[in-house]
């Protein structure tokens, strides 16, 4: 047997009866030659890591725009934290870790510049149904590799699409992503908000901290353990009621204290105005987009292609593009 076949046999012998076995995958949309050394989900993980969209995540906002301190999270470090949490849960439940890891690494590939602020602009300018998770699916299916896509397995694409919102992934491994994503951002956003000086642990209601813990690692461990305990030997992924309530209460608190905080979000309106103007400019001048997105206008609407182009931008690329288009060159010289 090949190495990949040996991995698949180990899955049958060692994983939970509720795990999704690699040998049962619905496969890929386009023909391919199987790899001898990697399972299909291991191969998906590698395709995502080597994609351009994955590399761009390092320069996309998580919560705080343009942080000077290097220790603030970016969309890439968020993705890595989600992946780590998802793998811990998946391994403890004896599920398919490779499937879970691939979905976690790809779950935010379609995020716009400036985080959810950019998502709101795309909803206003392009389509009210636009979401980063739908865009992430579009990235892996249609935009990566010059339009060929990454040709990922159905199960990984399903996990990416259904990691957020009201929908539910078809596999337990995909359902873990929703919990891992929330556990990651709730906790690292507290950490970043405290670093920014807009939040103190003392601001968080004691009733929440009494359940979850006061330290960063303690809170993550409490939530992860609660998911594992509630999901062990069950055909579903859930969380214990007490910890689940405290986690949701903490999320609601953060919306008021951080996500809508005028200090943390004070520059967002400027970023949104910038993206709006870029959107309308490229709709009128599609030939000014990069060649790949301009070529796509032969097959899809200009608005769709402009949305793809802007969504792909990093924060700094969006700013530089805006400067080149709208700001007179003499104003950009350092001696002006």
C-alpha atoms as a PDB file:
ATOM      1  CA  UNK A   1       0.000   0.000   0.000  1.00  0.00           C
ATOM      2  CA  UNK A   2       1.022   3.612  -0.506  1.00  0.00           C
ATOM      3  CA  UNK A   3       1.622   5.917   2.455  1.00  0.00           C
ATOM      4  CA  UNK A   4      -1.711   7.611   1.762  1.00  0.00           C
ATOM      5  CA  UNK A   5      -3.516   4.264   1.803  1.00  0.00           C
ATOM      6  CA  UNK A   6      -1.850   3.376   5.109  1.00  0.00           C
ATOM      7  CA  UNK A   7      -3.120   6.650   6.592  1.00  0.00           C
ATOM      8  CA  UNK A   8      -6.634   5.774   5.445  1.00  0.00           C
ATOM      9  CA  UNK A   9      -6.408   2.331   7.041  1.00  0.00           C
ATOM     10  CA  UNK A  10      -5.283   3.888  10.315  1.00  0.00           C
ATOM     11  CA  UNK A  11      -8.336   6.145  10.229  1.00  0.00           C
ATOM     12  CA  UNK A  12     -10.622   3.109  10.016  1.00  0.00           C
ATOM     13  CA  UNK A  13      -8.876   1.467  12.950  1.00  0.00           C
ATOM     14  CA  UNK A  14      -8.372   4.430  15.269  1.00  0.00           C
ATOM     15  CA  UNK A  15     -10.994   7.126  14.710  1.00  0.00           C
ATOM     16  CA  UNK A  16     -14.389   7.496  16.319  1.00  0.00           C
ATOM     17  CA  UNK A  17     -17.361   5.869  14.560  1.00  0.00           C
ATOM     18  CA  UNK A  18     -18.643   9.444  14.103  1.00  0.00           C
ATOM     19  CA  UNK A  19     -15.490  10.586  12.292  1.00  0.00           C
ATOM     20  CA  UNK A  20     -15.602  11.301   8.583  1.00  0.00           C
ATOM     21  CA  UNK A  21     -13.213   8.887   6.888  1.00  0.00           C
ATOM     22  CA  UNK A  22     -11.095  10.202   4.049  1.00  0.00           C
ATOM     23  CA  UNK A  23     -11.980   7.203   1.900  1.00  0.00           C
ATOM     24  CA  UNK A  24     -15.618   8.369   1.924  1.00  0.00           C
ATOM     25  CA  UNK A  25     -14.944  11.795   0.439  1.00  0.00           C
ATOM     26  CA  UNK A  26     -17.248  12.991  -2.318  1.00  0.00           C
ATOM     27  CA  UNK A  27     -14.068  13.992  -4.120  1.00  0.00           C
ATOM     28  CA  UNK A  28     -13.161  17.034  -6.187  1.00  0.00           C
ATOM     29  CA  UNK A  29     -14.895  18.861  -9.009  1.00  0.00           C
ATOM     30  CA  UNK A  30     -12.076  18.337 -11.503  1.00  0.00           C
ATOM     31  CA  UNK A  31     -10.055  15.193 -12.388  1.00  0.00           C
ATOM     32  CA  UNK A  32      -6.805  14.722 -10.485  1.00  0.00           C
ATOM     33  CA  UNK A  33      -4.060  12.210  -9.826  1.00  0.00           C
ATOM     34  CA  UNK A  34      -4.050  10.983  -6.194  1.00  0.00           C
ATOM     35  CA  UNK A  35      -0.934  11.644  -4.121  1.00  0.00           C
ATOM     36  CA  UNK A  36       0.922   8.587  -2.830  1.00  0.00           C
ATOM     37  CA  UNK A  37       2.142  10.262   0.340  1.00  0.00           C
ATOM     38  CA  UNK A  38      -0.817  12.382   1.470  1.00  0.00           C
ATOM     39  CA  UNK A  39      -4.497  11.773   2.024  1.00  0.00           C
ATOM     40  CA  UNK A  40      -6.955  13.969   0.181  1.00  0.00           C
ATOM     41  CA  UNK A  41      -7.536  16.231   3.189  1.00  0.00           C
ATOM     42  CA  UNK A  42      -3.803  16.530   3.871  1.00  0.00           C
ATOM     43  CA  UNK A  43      -3.436  17.581   0.268  1.00  0.00           C
ATOM     44  CA  UNK A  44      -6.174  20.212   0.686  1.00  0.00           C
ATOM     45  CA  UNK A  45      -4.367  21.617   3.719  1.00  0.00           C
ATOM     46  CA  UNK A  46      -1.190  22.016   1.677  1.00  0.00           C
ATOM     47  CA  UNK A  47      -2.993  23.612  -1.253  1.00  0.00           C
ATOM     48  CA  UNK A  48      -4.509  26.213   1.057  1.00  0.00           C
ATOM     49  CA  UNK A  49      -1.214  26.996   2.818  1.00  0.00           C
ATOM     50  CA  UNK A  50       0.546  27.526  -0.516  1.00  0.00           C
ATOM     51  CA  UNK A  51      -2.201  29.748  -1.955  1.00  0.00           C
ATOM     52  CA  UNK A  52      -1.829  33.475  -2.547  1.00  0.00           C
ATOM     53  CA  UNK A  53      -5.017  34.179  -0.612  1.00  0.00           C
ATOM     54  CA  UNK A  54      -3.552  32.531   2.485  1.00  0.00           C
ATOM     55  CA  UNK A  55      -0.400  34.641   2.327  1.00  0.00           C
ATOM     56  CA  UNK A  56      -2.433  37.839   1.975  1.00  0.00           C
ATOM     57  CA  UNK A  57      -4.133  37.185   5.319  1.00  0.00           C
ATOM     58  CA  UNK A  58      -1.023  38.446   7.105  1.00  0.00           C
ATOM     59  CA  UNK A  59      -1.833  41.983   5.958  1.00  0.00           C
ATOM     60  CA  UNK A  60      -5.588  41.961   6.597  1.00  0.00           C
ATOM     61  CA  UNK A  61      -7.227  43.466   9.674  1.00  0.00           C
ATOM     62  CA  UNK A  62      -8.643  41.282  12.409  1.00  0.00           C
ATOM     63  CA  UNK A  63     -10.198  43.961  14.679  1.00  0.00           C
ATOM     64  CA  UNK A  64      -7.796  46.900  14.988  1.00  0.00           C
ATOM     65  CA  UNK A  65      -6.926  48.909  11.876  1.00  0.00           C
ATOM     66  CA  UNK A  66      -3.283  49.750  11.196  1.00  0.00           C
ATOM     67  CA  UNK A  67      -1.852  48.725  14.591  1.00  0.00           C
ATOM     68  CA  UNK A  68       1.650  50.039  15.293  1.00  0.00           C
ATOM     69  CA  UNK A  69       2.372  47.284  17.809  1.00  0.00           C
ATOM     70  CA  UNK A  70       3.485  44.088  16.056  1.00  0.00           C
ATOM     71  CA  UNK A  71       1.677  41.929  18.609  1.00  0.00           C
ATOM     72  CA  UNK A  72      -1.882  42.687  17.487  1.00  0.00           C
ATOM     73  CA  UNK A  73      -3.642  39.879  15.681  1.00  0.00           C
ATOM     74  CA  UNK A  74      -4.054  39.872  11.934  1.00  0.00           C
ATOM     75  CA  UNK A  75      -6.415  37.719   9.912  1.00  0.00           C
ATOM     76  CA  UNK A  76      -3.555  35.229   9.474  1.00  0.00           C
ATOM     77  CA  UNK A  77      -2.710  34.852  13.158  1.00  0.00           C
ATOM     78  CA  UNK A  78      -6.441  34.521  13.861  1.00  0.00           C
ATOM     79  CA  UNK A  79      -6.590  31.699  11.321  1.00  0.00           C
ATOM     80  CA  UNK A  80      -3.676  29.912  12.970  1.00  0.00           C
ATOM     81  CA  UNK A  81      -5.289  30.208  16.402  1.00  0.00           C
ATOM     82  CA  UNK A  82      -8.571  28.840  15.058  1.00  0.00           C
ATOM     83  CA  UNK A  83      -6.693  25.937  13.476  1.00  0.00           C
ATOM     84  CA  UNK A  84      -4.884  25.099  16.703  1.00  0.00           C
ATOM     85  CA  UNK A  85      -8.105  25.114  18.732  1.00  0.00           C
ATOM     86  CA  UNK A  86      -9.972  23.095  16.112  1.00  0.00           C
ATOM     87  CA  UNK A  87      -7.255  20.449  16.064  1.00  0.00           C
ATOM     88  CA  UNK A  88      -7.259  20.092  19.848  1.00  0.00           C
ATOM     89  CA  UNK A  89     -11.019  19.523  19.901  1.00  0.00           C
ATOM     90  CA  UNK A  90     -10.925  17.225  16.885  1.00  0.00           C
ATOM     91  CA  UNK A  91      -8.118  15.086  18.254  1.00  0.00           C
ATOM     92  CA  UNK A  92      -9.774  14.743  21.658  1.00  0.00           C
ATOM     93  CA  UNK A  93     -12.984  13.538  19.992  1.00  0.00           C
ATOM     94  CA  UNK A  94     -11.040  11.113  17.766  1.00  0.00           C
ATOM     95  CA  UNK A  95     -12.366  12.747  14.605  1.00  0.00           C
ATOM     96  CA  UNK A  96     -10.574  13.399  11.299  1.00  0.00           C
ATOM     97  CA  UNK A  97      -7.962  15.987  12.205  1.00  0.00           C
ATOM     98  CA  UNK A  98      -6.767  16.513   8.629  1.00  0.00           C
ATOM     99  CA  UNK A  99     -10.252  17.451   7.431  1.00  0.00           C
ATOM    100  CA  UNK A 100     -10.756  19.811  10.359  1.00  0.00           C
ATOM    101  CA  UNK A 101      -7.352  21.445   9.898  1.00  0.00           C
ATOM    102  CA  UNK A 102      -7.856  22.097   6.192  1.00  0.00           C
ATOM    103  CA  UNK A 103     -11.233  23.733   6.797  1.00  0.00           C
ATOM    104  CA  UNK A 104      -9.830  25.893   9.583  1.00  0.00           C
ATOM    105  CA  UNK A 105      -6.908  27.105   7.470  1.00  0.00           C
ATOM    106  CA  UNK A 106      -9.244  28.061   4.626  1.00  0.00           C
ATOM    107  CA  UNK A 107     -12.177  29.478   6.555  1.00  0.00           C
ATOM    108  CA  UNK A 108     -11.279  33.189   6.146  1.00  0.00           C
ATOM    109  CA  UNK A 109      -9.564  33.234   2.745  1.00  0.00           C
ATOM    110  CA  UNK A 110     -12.283  35.472   1.319  1.00  0.00           C
ATOM    111  CA  UNK A 111     -12.188  38.126   4.011  1.00  0.00           C
ATOM    112  CA  UNK A 112     -12.129  41.688   2.737  1.00  0.00           C
ATOM    113  CA  UNK A 113      -9.547  44.312   3.708  1.00  0.00           C
ATOM    114  CA  UNK A 114     -10.283  46.072   7.008  1.00  0.00           C
ATOM    115  CA  UNK A 115     -12.132  43.075   8.419  1.00  0.00           C
ATOM    116  CA  UNK A 116     -15.907  43.205   8.748  1.00  0.00           C
ATOM    117  CA  UNK A 117     -15.885  46.894   7.823  1.00  0.00           C
ATOM    118  CA  UNK A 118     -14.984  45.865   4.282  1.00  0.00           C
ATOM    119  CA  UNK A 119     -17.650  43.161   4.319  1.00  0.00           C
ATOM    120  CA  UNK A 120     -20.300  45.807   5.076  1.00  0.00           C
ATOM    121  CA  UNK A 121     -19.128  47.882   2.095  1.00  0.00           C
ATOM    122  CA  UNK A 122     -19.386  44.912  -0.277  1.00  0.00           C
ATOM    123  CA  UNK A 123     -22.913  44.276   0.996  1.00  0.00           C
ATOM    124  CA  UNK A 124     -23.868  47.885   0.292  1.00  0.00           C
ATOM    125  CA  UNK A 125     -22.100  48.252  -3.055  1.00  0.00           C
ATOM    126  CA  UNK A 126     -22.414  44.785  -4.549  1.00  0.00           C
ATOM    127  CA  UNK A 127     -24.876  42.424  -2.896  1.00  0.00           C
ATOM    128  CA  UNK A 128     -26.589  42.458   0.493  1.00  0.00           C
ATOM    129  CA  UNK A 129     -26.034  38.675   0.606  1.00  0.00           C
ATOM    130  CA  UNK A 130     -22.253  39.052   0.388  1.00  0.00           C
ATOM    131  CA  UNK A 131     -20.426  37.327   3.265  1.00  0.00           C
ATOM    132  CA  UNK A 132     -16.796  36.509   3.874  1.00  0.00           C
ATOM    133  CA  UNK A 133     -17.558  32.782   4.110  1.00  0.00           C
ATOM    134  CA  UNK A 134     -19.296  32.713   0.721  1.00  0.00           C
ATOM    135  CA  UNK A 135     -16.386  34.681  -0.679  1.00  0.00           C
ATOM    136  CA  UNK A 136     -13.938  32.210   0.872  1.00  0.00           C
ATOM    137  CA  UNK A 137     -15.668  29.425  -1.035  1.00  0.00           C
ATOM    138  CA  UNK A 138     -15.483  31.483  -4.217  1.00  0.00           C
ATOM    139  CA  UNK A 139     -11.753  32.024  -3.677  1.00  0.00           C
ATOM    140  CA  UNK A 140     -10.986  28.300  -3.461  1.00  0.00           C
ATOM    141  CA  UNK A 141     -13.371  27.343  -6.266  1.00  0.00           C
ATOM    142  CA  UNK A 142     -12.965  30.112  -8.858  1.00  0.00           C
ATOM    143  CA  UNK A 143     -10.312  32.715  -8.070  1.00  0.00           C
ATOM    144  CA  UNK A 144      -7.133  31.033  -6.902  1.00  0.00           C
ATOM    145  CA  UNK A 145      -4.514  29.821  -9.384  1.00  0.00           C
ATOM    146  CA  UNK A 146      -5.606  32.257 -12.105  1.00  0.00           C
ATOM    147  CA  UNK A 147      -9.194  31.091 -12.079  1.00  0.00           C
ATOM    148  CA  UNK A 148      -8.599  27.357 -11.888  1.00  0.00           C
ATOM    149  CA  UNK A 149      -9.294  27.256  -8.158  1.00  0.00           C
ATOM    150  CA  UNK A 150      -7.682  24.936  -5.632  1.00  0.00           C
ATOM    151  CA  UNK A 151      -9.918  21.980  -6.542  1.00  0.00           C
ATOM    152  CA  UNK A 152     -10.516  21.090  -2.895  1.00  0.00           C
ATOM    153  CA  UNK A 153     -12.596  18.173  -1.690  1.00  0.00           C
ATOM    154  CA  UNK A 154     -16.327  18.671  -1.162  1.00  0.00           C
ATOM    155  CA  UNK A 155     -16.053  18.231   2.623  1.00  0.00           C
ATOM    156  CA  UNK A 156     -13.414  20.936   3.087  1.00  0.00           C
ATOM    157  CA  UNK A 157     -15.391  23.358   0.933  1.00  0.00           C
ATOM    158  CA  UNK A 158     -18.512  22.551   2.945  1.00  0.00           C
ATOM    159  CA  UNK A 159     -16.682  23.321   6.203  1.00  0.00           C
ATOM    160  CA  UNK A 160     -15.406  26.636   4.847  1.00  0.00           C
ATOM    161  CA  UNK A 161     -18.851  27.728   3.666  1.00  0.00           C
ATOM    162  CA  UNK A 162     -20.653  26.760   6.863  1.00  0.00           C
ATOM    163  CA  UNK A 163     -18.208  27.887   9.546  1.00  0.00           C
ATOM    164  CA  UNK A 164     -20.301  30.982  10.285  1.00  0.00           C
ATOM    165  CA  UNK A 165     -23.938  32.015  10.244  1.00  0.00           C
ATOM    166  CA  UNK A 166     -26.938  29.782  10.801  1.00  0.00           C
ATOM    167  CA  UNK A 167     -25.944  26.964   8.446  1.00  0.00           C
ATOM    168  CA  UNK A 168     -24.374  23.767   9.673  1.00  0.00           C
ATOM    169  CA  UNK A 169     -21.571  21.780   8.063  1.00  0.00           C
ATOM    170  CA  UNK A 170     -22.274  18.229   6.913  1.00  0.00           C
ATOM    171  CA  UNK A 171     -19.420  16.712   8.941  1.00  0.00           C
ATOM    172  CA  UNK A 172     -18.639  16.930  12.649  1.00  0.00           C
ATOM    173  CA  UNK A 173     -15.172  18.112  11.685  1.00  0.00           C
ATOM    174  CA  UNK A 174     -16.740  21.037   9.826  1.00  0.00           C
ATOM    175  CA  UNK A 175     -19.026  21.835  12.751  1.00  0.00           C
ATOM    176  CA  UNK A 176     -16.044  22.149  15.069  1.00  0.00           C
ATOM    177  CA  UNK A 177     -14.893  25.166  13.037  1.00  0.00           C
ATOM    178  CA  UNK A 178     -17.790  27.319  14.219  1.00  0.00           C
ATOM    179  CA  UNK A 179     -16.873  26.730  17.870  1.00  0.00           C
ATOM    180  CA  UNK A 180     -13.126  27.070  17.272  1.00  0.00           C
ATOM    181  CA  UNK A 181     -13.599  30.354  15.402  1.00  0.00           C
ATOM    182  CA  UNK A 182     -15.682  31.870  18.189  1.00  0.00           C
ATOM    183  CA  UNK A 183     -13.395  30.613  20.968  1.00  0.00           C
ATOM    184  CA  UNK A 184     -10.388  32.083  19.168  1.00  0.00           C
ATOM    185  CA  UNK A 185     -11.718  35.543  18.368  1.00  0.00           C
ATOM    186  CA  UNK A 186     -13.478  36.103  21.683  1.00  0.00           C
ATOM    187  CA  UNK A 187     -10.276  35.472  23.584  1.00  0.00           C
ATOM    188  CA  UNK A 188      -7.693  37.096  21.348  1.00  0.00           C
ATOM    189  CA  UNK A 189      -9.878  40.170  20.922  1.00  0.00           C
ATOM    190  CA  UNK A 190      -9.888  40.607  24.704  1.00  0.00           C
ATOM    191  CA  UNK A 191      -6.114  40.360  24.653  1.00  0.00           C
ATOM    192  CA  UNK A 192      -5.774  42.948  21.866  1.00  0.00           C
ATOM    193  CA  UNK A 193      -8.337  45.286  23.433  1.00  0.00           C
ATOM    194  CA  UNK A 194      -6.461  45.226  26.734  1.00  0.00           C
ATOM    195  CA  UNK A 195      -3.214  45.933  24.877  1.00  0.00           C
ATOM    196  CA  UNK A 196      -4.897  48.896  23.173  1.00  0.00           C
ATOM    197  CA  UNK A 197      -6.029  50.271  26.506  1.00  0.00           C
ATOM    198  CA  UNK A 198      -9.731  50.263  25.666  1.00  0.00           C
ATOM    199  CA  UNK A 199     -10.578  47.332  27.923  1.00  0.00           C
ATOM    200  CA  UNK A 200      -9.550  45.978  31.288  1.00  0.00           C
ATOM    201  CA  UNK A 201     -10.349  42.568  32.712  1.00  0.00           C
ATOM    202  CA  UNK A 202     -12.112  44.402  35.512  1.00  0.00           C
ATOM    203  CA  UNK A 203     -14.592  45.694  32.939  1.00  0.00           C
ATOM    204  CA  UNK A 204     -15.775  42.173  32.139  1.00  0.00           C
ATOM    205  CA  UNK A 205     -18.706  41.084  34.334  1.00  0.00           C
ATOM    206  CA  UNK A 206     -17.541  38.892  37.214  1.00  0.00           C
ATOM    207  CA  UNK A 207     -20.321  36.398  36.465  1.00  0.00           C
ATOM    208  CA  UNK A 208     -18.612  35.631  33.139  1.00  0.00           C
ATOM    209  CA  UNK A 209     -15.070  35.411  34.480  1.00  0.00           C
ATOM    210  CA  UNK A 210     -16.176  33.196  37.367  1.00  0.00           C
ATOM    211  CA  UNK A 211     -17.236  30.581  34.812  1.00  0.00           C
ATOM    212  CA  UNK A 212     -14.582  31.034  32.122  1.00  0.00           C
ATOM    213  CA  UNK A 213     -11.535  32.189  34.082  1.00  0.00           C
ATOM    214  CA  UNK A 214      -9.510  35.367  34.322  1.00  0.00           C
ATOM    215  CA  UNK A 215      -6.450  34.363  32.305  1.00  0.00           C
ATOM    216  CA  UNK A 216      -6.320  34.077  28.511  1.00  0.00           C
ATOM    217  CA  UNK A 217      -5.224  30.461  28.454  1.00  0.00           C
ATOM    218  CA  UNK A 218      -7.621  29.505  31.230  1.00  0.00           C
ATOM    219  CA  UNK A 219     -10.612  30.842  29.307  1.00  0.00           C
ATOM    220  CA  UNK A 220      -9.634  29.015  26.128  1.00  0.00           C
ATOM    221  CA  UNK A 221      -9.107  25.787  28.042  1.00  0.00           C
ATOM    222  CA  UNK A 222     -12.483  26.136  29.749  1.00  0.00           C
ATOM    223  CA  UNK A 223     -14.317  26.583  26.445  1.00  0.00           C
ATOM    224  CA  UNK A 224     -12.402  23.848  24.636  1.00  0.00           C
ATOM    225  CA  UNK A 225     -12.982  21.417  27.491  1.00  0.00           C
ATOM    226  CA  UNK A 226     -16.693  22.268  27.520  1.00  0.00           C
ATOM    227  CA  UNK A 227     -16.985  21.448  23.807  1.00  0.00           C
ATOM    228  CA  UNK A 228     -15.123  18.170  24.251  1.00  0.00           C
ATOM    229  CA  UNK A 229     -17.219  17.129  27.260  1.00  0.00           C
ATOM    230  CA  UNK A 230     -20.521  17.963  25.567  1.00  0.00           C
ATOM    231  CA  UNK A 231     -19.574  16.263  22.287  1.00  0.00           C
ATOM    232  CA  UNK A 232     -17.777  13.124  23.486  1.00  0.00           C
ATOM    233  CA  UNK A 233     -19.188   9.938  21.924  1.00  0.00           C
ATOM    234  CA  UNK A 234     -22.058  11.860  20.322  1.00  0.00           C
ATOM    235  CA  UNK A 235     -23.011  12.479  16.686  1.00  0.00           C
ATOM    236  CA  UNK A 236     -23.042  16.236  17.249  1.00  0.00           C
ATOM    237  CA  UNK A 237     -20.800  19.100  18.323  1.00  0.00           C
ATOM    238  CA  UNK A 238     -22.054  21.216  21.203  1.00  0.00           C
ATOM    239  CA  UNK A 239     -20.915  22.915  24.406  1.00  0.00           C
ATOM    240  CA  UNK A 240     -21.961  22.504  28.032  1.00  0.00           C
ATOM    241  CA  UNK A 241     -24.839  24.888  28.904  1.00  0.00           C
ATOM    242  CA  UNK A 242     -23.080  26.891  31.617  1.00  0.00           C
ATOM    243  CA  UNK A 243     -19.955  27.564  29.587  1.00  0.00           C
ATOM    244  CA  UNK A 244     -21.982  28.120  26.428  1.00  0.00           C
ATOM    245  CA  UNK A 245     -24.049  30.805  28.141  1.00  0.00           C
ATOM    246  CA  UNK A 246     -20.967  32.503  29.581  1.00  0.00           C
ATOM    247  CA  UNK A 247     -19.280  32.416  26.157  1.00  0.00           C
ATOM    248  CA  UNK A 248     -22.297  34.023  24.472  1.00  0.00           C
ATOM    249  CA  UNK A 249     -22.563  36.601  27.253  1.00  0.00           C
ATOM    250  CA  UNK A 250     -18.888  37.450  26.768  1.00  0.00           C
ATOM    251  CA  UNK A 251     -19.399  37.822  23.034  1.00  0.00           C
ATOM    252  CA  UNK A 252     -22.342  40.179  23.603  1.00  0.00           C
ATOM    253  CA  UNK A 253     -20.236  42.181  26.041  1.00  0.00           C
ATOM    254  CA  UNK A 254     -17.409  42.498  23.507  1.00  0.00           C
ATOM    255  CA  UNK A 255     -19.777  43.822  20.847  1.00  0.00           C
ATOM    256  CA  UNK A 256     -20.582  46.759  23.090  1.00  0.00           C
ATOM    257  CA  UNK A 257     -17.146  47.244  24.658  1.00  0.00           C
ATOM    258  CA  UNK A 258     -14.855  46.543  21.686  1.00  0.00           C
ATOM    259  CA  UNK A 259     -16.498  45.861  18.324  1.00  0.00           C
ATOM    260  CA  UNK A 260     -18.574  49.048  18.488  1.00  0.00           C
ATOM    261  CA  UNK A 261     -16.079  51.019  20.557  1.00  0.00           C
ATOM    262  CA  UNK A 262     -15.467  54.457  18.950  1.00  0.00           C
ATOM    263  CA  UNK A 263     -11.767  54.319  19.841  1.00  0.00           C
ATOM    264  CA  UNK A 264     -11.200  50.870  18.329  1.00  0.00           C
ATOM    265  CA  UNK A 265     -13.414  51.602  15.336  1.00  0.00           C
ATOM    266  CA  UNK A 266     -12.814  55.320  14.921  1.00  0.00           C
ATOM    267  CA  UNK A 267     -11.013  54.944  11.592  1.00  0.00           C
ATOM    268  CA  UNK A 268     -13.389  52.388  10.101  1.00  0.00           C
ATOM    269  CA  UNK A 269     -15.646  54.950   8.439  1.00  0.00           C
ATOM    270  CA  UNK A 270     -12.628  56.302   6.560  1.00  0.00           C
ATOM    271  CA  UNK A 271     -11.671  52.808   5.442  1.00  0.00           C
ATOM    272  CA  UNK A 272     -15.233  52.142   4.308  1.00  0.00           C
ATOM    273  CA  UNK A 273     -15.408  55.391   2.349  1.00  0.00           C
ATOM    274  CA  UNK A 274     -12.149  54.489   0.673  1.00  0.00           C
ATOM    275  CA  UNK A 275     -13.415  51.044  -0.378  1.00  0.00           C
ATOM    276  CA  UNK A 276     -16.700  52.535  -1.613  1.00  0.00           C
ATOM    277  CA  UNK A 277     -14.855  54.977  -3.842  1.00  0.00           C
ATOM    278  CA  UNK A 278     -12.572  52.229  -5.131  1.00  0.00           C
ATOM    279  CA  UNK A 279     -15.580  50.060  -5.944  1.00  0.00           C
ATOM    280  CA  UNK A 280     -17.331  52.754  -7.961  1.00  0.00           C
ATOM    281  CA  UNK A 281     -14.093  53.735  -9.689  1.00  0.00           C
ATOM    282  CA  UNK A 282     -13.358  50.209 -10.905  1.00  0.00           C
ATOM    283  CA  UNK A 283     -16.952  49.654 -12.011  1.00  0.00           C
ATOM    284  CA  UNK A 284     -16.494  52.651 -14.308  1.00  0.00           C
ATOM    285  CA  UNK A 285     -12.904  51.690 -15.210  1.00  0.00           C
ATOM    286  CA  UNK A 286     -12.678  47.875 -15.103  1.00  0.00           C
ATOM    287  CA  UNK A 287      -9.590  47.902 -17.310  1.00  0.00           C
ATOM    288  CA  UNK A 288      -7.708  49.512 -14.402  1.00  0.00           C
ATOM    289  CA  UNK A 289      -8.014  46.345 -12.329  1.00  0.00           C
ATOM    290  CA  UNK A 290      -5.279  43.721 -12.458  1.00  0.00           C
ATOM    291  CA  UNK A 291      -5.456  41.703 -15.711  1.00  0.00           C
ATOM    292  CA  UNK A 292      -6.963  38.566 -14.145  1.00  0.00           C
ATOM    293  CA  UNK A 293     -10.000  40.371 -12.720  1.00  0.00           C
ATOM    294  CA  UNK A 294     -10.441  42.451 -15.861  1.00  0.00           C
ATOM    295  CA  UNK A 295     -10.420  39.306 -18.012  1.00  0.00           C
ATOM    296  CA  UNK A 296     -13.135  37.844 -15.809  1.00  0.00           C
ATOM    297  CA  UNK A 297     -15.496  40.638 -16.857  1.00  0.00           C
ATOM    298  CA  UNK A 298     -15.892  38.746 -20.148  1.00  0.00           C
ATOM    299  CA  UNK A 299     -17.665  35.971 -18.261  1.00  0.00           C
ATOM    300  CA  UNK A 300     -19.218  37.678 -15.222  1.00  0.00           C
ATOM    301  CA  UNK A 301     -20.649  41.063 -14.353  1.00  0.00           C
ATOM    302  CA  UNK A 302     -18.287  43.963 -13.812  1.00  0.00           C
ATOM    303  CA  UNK A 303     -19.667  44.428 -10.284  1.00  0.00           C
ATOM    304  CA  UNK A 304     -18.942  40.801  -9.420  1.00  0.00           C
ATOM    305  CA  UNK A 305     -15.366  41.094 -10.651  1.00  0.00           C
ATOM    306  CA  UNK A 306     -14.792  44.397  -8.859  1.00  0.00           C
ATOM    307  CA  UNK A 307     -16.063  42.818  -5.649  1.00  0.00           C
ATOM    308  CA  UNK A 308     -13.609  39.940  -6.131  1.00  0.00           C
ATOM    309  CA  UNK A 309     -10.768  42.355  -6.787  1.00  0.00           C
ATOM    310  CA  UNK A 310     -11.404  44.565  -3.770  1.00  0.00           C
ATOM    311  CA  UNK A 311     -12.075  41.593  -1.493  1.00  0.00           C
ATOM    312  CA  UNK A 312      -8.707  40.151  -2.434  1.00  0.00           C
ATOM    313  CA  UNK A 313      -6.831  43.309  -1.414  1.00  0.00           C
ATOM    314  CA  UNK A 314      -4.775  43.588   1.735  1.00  0.00           C
ATOM    315  CA  UNK A 315      -5.259  46.686   3.863  1.00  0.00           C
ATOM    316  CA  UNK A 316      -2.090  48.335   2.652  1.00  0.00           C
ATOM    317  CA  UNK A 317      -2.691  47.471  -1.014  1.00  0.00           C
ATOM    318  CA  UNK A 318      -6.143  49.056  -0.798  1.00  0.00           C
ATOM    319  CA  UNK A 319      -4.637  52.201   0.737  1.00  0.00           C
ATOM    320  CA  UNK A 320      -1.853  52.381  -1.852  1.00  0.00           C
ATOM    321  CA  UNK A 321      -4.327  51.853  -4.687  1.00  0.00           C
ATOM    322  CA  UNK A 322      -6.573  54.586  -3.340  1.00  0.00           C
ATOM    323  CA  UNK A 323      -3.630  56.989  -3.098  1.00  0.00           C
ATOM    324  CA  UNK A 324      -2.556  56.318  -6.670  1.00  0.00           C
ATOM    325  CA  UNK A 325      -6.047  56.907  -8.032  1.00  0.00           C
ATOM    326  CA  UNK A 326      -7.424  59.749  -5.925  1.00  0.00           C
ATOM    327  CA  UNK A 327      -4.539  61.678  -4.377  1.00  0.00           C
ATOM    328  CA  UNK A 328      -2.428  64.002  -6.545  1.00  0.00           C
ATOM    329  CA  UNK A 329       1.126  62.726  -6.754  1.00  0.00           C
ATOM    330  CA  UNK A 330       2.690  65.914  -5.372  1.00  0.00           C
ATOM    331  CA  UNK A 331       0.739  65.435  -2.138  1.00  0.00           C
ATOM    332  CA  UNK A 332       2.341  62.080  -1.642  1.00  0.00           C
ATOM    333  CA  UNK A 333       5.919  63.340  -1.686  1.00  0.00           C
ATOM    334  CA  UNK A 334       7.536  63.288   1.783  1.00  0.00           C
ATOM    335  CA  UNK A 335       8.700  66.919   1.530  1.00  0.00           C
ATOM    336  CA  UNK A 336       5.298  68.426   0.724  1.00  0.00           C
END
